[in-house]
Amino acid sequence: MIRDWLTPDKIKVINSIDSWENAVRLAAEPLLMQGYIAGSYIEAILQSHKELGPYYVLAPGLAMPHARPEQGVLRNGLSLLHIKEGVSFGSTENDPVYVVIILCARSGNEHITMIGELAEIFSDQQKLHRLLNADDSKAIQAVID
């Protein structure tokens, strides 16, 4: 099911980026451009980080920023940004972040379903290693297929 939400056109691989804010914006860009989210969703993620800190940096190298459905979700979707050199999100335990996955779900139940699907990848150390060290979007797609 992940491959239905995270299609190749929503995966970007870059060498570096200058800030966590720009990483969030760039990671969310495909969802915004394709009508999955409104701009308010990105702003809600940034504001939440400023208020609560980087709670969504889930593991070393991995961040999954998201906001509430009512803050701008239009359709269910995922996008992924892989930053080869990593970027600091201010998470002492888990920086630098190499993979940023933006999750947008229209309801709590759909959110839980998507998290469950992603957890299958995150809990498999081999898949997680391949994801964090992928060289290009094809390598990322191979992990989620």
Protein backbone atom coordinates (compact mmCIF):
# COMPACT_ATOMS: atom_id res chain seq x y z
CA MET A 1 0.00 0.00 0.00
CA ILE A 2 2.86 2.39 0.65
CA ARG A 3 3.76 2.38 -3.03
CA ASP A 4 0.22 3.66 -3.74
CA TRP A 5 0.83 6.69 -1.49
CA LEU A 6 4.55 7.19 -2.13
CA THR A 7 4.87 7.23 -5.90
CA PRO A 8 8.17 7.98 -7.70
CA ASP A 9 7.07 11.57 -8.44
CA LYS A 10 6.92 12.23 -4.68
CA ILE A 11 10.51 11.11 -3.97
CA LYS A 12 13.45 13.53 -4.12
CA VAL A 13 17.14 12.88 -3.50
CA ILE A 14 19.48 15.82 -2.87
CA ASN A 15 23.05 16.20 -1.64
CA SER A 16 22.49 18.84 1.03
CA ILE A 17 20.15 21.50 2.39
CA ASP A 18 20.75 24.44 4.70
CA SER A 19 18.02 24.02 7.35
CA TRP A 20 15.35 21.73 8.75
CA GLU A 21 12.70 24.29 7.71
CA ASN A 22 13.78 24.13 4.08
CA ALA A 23 13.98 20.33 4.30
CA VAL A 24 10.34 20.22 5.45
CA ARG A 25 9.28 22.63 2.70
CA LEU A 26 11.13 20.72 -0.02
CA ALA A 27 9.89 17.35 1.24
CA ALA A 28 6.29 18.62 1.21
CA GLU A 29 6.53 20.34 -2.17
CA PRO A 30 5.29 17.38 -4.28
CA LEU A 31 2.23 16.99 -2.03
CA LEU A 32 1.48 20.71 -2.28
CA MET A 33 1.97 20.87 -6.05
CA GLN A 34 -0.21 17.80 -6.66
CA GLY A 35 -3.09 18.94 -4.44
CA TYR A 36 -2.63 16.58 -1.50
CA ILE A 37 -2.13 19.41 0.99
CA ALA A 38 -2.70 23.15 1.28
CA GLY A 39 0.14 25.51 2.18
CA SER A 40 -1.35 25.77 5.67
CA TYR A 41 -0.31 22.17 6.33
CA ILE A 42 3.37 23.00 5.86
CA GLU A 43 3.05 26.07 8.07
CA ALA A 44 1.35 23.96 10.76
CA ILE A 45 4.29 21.51 10.72
CA LEU A 46 6.80 24.35 11.07
CA GLN A 47 4.81 25.98 13.88
CA SER A 48 4.42 22.67 15.72
CA HIS A 49 8.19 22.14 15.58
CA LYS A 50 8.77 25.60 17.03
CA GLU A 51 6.28 24.94 19.86
CA LEU A 52 7.01 21.28 20.66
CA GLY A 53 10.46 20.63 19.23
CA PRO A 54 11.47 17.86 16.82
CA TYR A 55 9.16 15.20 18.33
CA TYR A 56 8.68 13.66 14.87
CA VAL A 57 12.36 12.72 14.48
CA LEU A 58 11.60 9.08 15.19
CA ALA A 59 14.96 7.35 14.92
CA PRO A 60 18.54 8.16 13.99
CA GLY A 61 18.42 9.75 10.55
CA LEU A 62 14.62 9.58 10.15
CA ALA A 63 11.98 12.31 10.48
CA MET A 64 8.27 12.09 9.75
CA PRO A 65 6.79 15.59 10.06
CA HIS A 66 3.02 15.86 9.93
CA ALA A 67 0.16 17.97 11.24
CA ARG A 68 -3.53 17.51 12.00
CA PRO A 69 -5.86 16.60 9.11
CA GLU A 70 -7.88 19.79 9.56
CA GLN A 71 -4.72 21.87 9.11
CA GLY A 72 -4.70 21.43 5.35
CA VAL A 73 -4.93 17.78 4.28
CA LEU A 74 -6.87 17.36 1.04
CA ARG A 75 -5.97 13.74 0.17
CA ASN A 76 -3.98 10.91 1.72
CA GLY A 77 -0.38 10.83 0.63
CA LEU A 78 3.31 10.51 1.41
CA SER A 79 6.38 12.25 0.08
CA LEU A 80 10.02 11.54 0.80
CA LEU A 81 13.15 13.66 0.72
CA HIS A 82 16.54 11.95 1.03
CA ILE A 83 19.37 14.30 2.04
CA LYS A 84 22.69 12.54 1.41
CA GLU A 85 24.71 14.76 3.76
CA GLY A 86 21.94 15.01 6.37
CA VAL A 87 20.60 18.08 8.18
CA SER A 88 20.09 18.96 11.83
CA PHE A 89 16.52 19.06 13.10
CA GLY A 90 17.62 19.88 16.65
CA SER A 91 17.17 16.30 17.84
CA THR A 92 20.13 15.55 20.10
CA GLU A 93 19.63 11.78 19.92
CA ASN A 94 18.71 11.37 16.24
CA ASP A 95 20.47 14.07 14.19
CA PRO A 96 21.51 14.34 11.47
CA VAL A 97 18.34 13.49 9.54
CA TYR A 98 18.82 11.86 6.15
CA VAL A 99 15.23 10.88 5.32
CA VAL A 100 12.22 13.17 5.71
CA ILE A 101 8.84 11.56 5.09
CA ILE A 102 5.83 13.88 4.99
CA LEU A 103 2.62 12.10 5.90
CA CYS A 104 -0.80 13.58 5.19
CA ALA A 105 -3.94 11.70 6.16
CA ARG A 106 -7.53 12.90 6.09
CA SER A 107 -8.56 11.12 9.30
CA GLY A 108 -7.10 9.58 12.42
CA ASN A 109 -7.88 6.06 11.20
CA GLU A 110 -6.14 6.66 7.87
CA HIS A 111 -3.20 8.18 9.76
CA ILE A 112 -2.89 5.02 11.88
CA THR A 113 -3.05 2.81 8.77
CA MET A 114 -0.28 4.79 7.09
CA ILE A 115 1.89 4.78 10.23
CA GLY A 116 1.43 1.01 10.51
CA GLU A 117 2.57 0.48 6.92
CA LEU A 118 5.61 2.69 7.44
CA ALA A 119 6.43 0.99 10.75
CA GLU A 120 6.91 -2.28 8.87
CA ILE A 121 9.78 -0.65 6.97
CA PHE A 122 11.21 1.21 9.98
CA SER A 123 11.23 -1.91 12.16
CA ASP A 124 13.16 -3.93 9.57
CA GLN A 125 16.78 -2.91 10.20
CA GLN A 126 17.92 -4.01 6.74
CA LYS A 127 15.19 -1.99 4.98
CA LEU A 128 15.79 1.02 7.20
CA HIS A 129 19.53 0.87 6.48
CA ARG A 130 18.85 0.67 2.73
CA LEU A 131 16.44 3.61 2.98
CA LEU A 132 18.86 5.81 4.94
CA ASN A 133 21.73 5.00 2.57
CA ALA A 134 19.91 5.06 -0.77
CA ASP A 135 21.75 6.78 -3.63
CA ASP A 136 18.74 7.57 -5.78
CA SER A 137 14.94 7.40 -6.01
CA LYS A 138 15.05 3.95 -7.64
CA ALA A 139 16.86 2.54 -4.61
CA ILE A 140 14.24 4.11 -2.34
CA GLN A 141 11.42 2.73 -4.47
CA ALA A 142 12.99 -0.74 -4.22
CA VAL A 143 12.82 -0.55 -0.41
CA ILE A 144 9.11 0.30 -0.36
CA ASP A 145 8.02 -2.14 -3.08
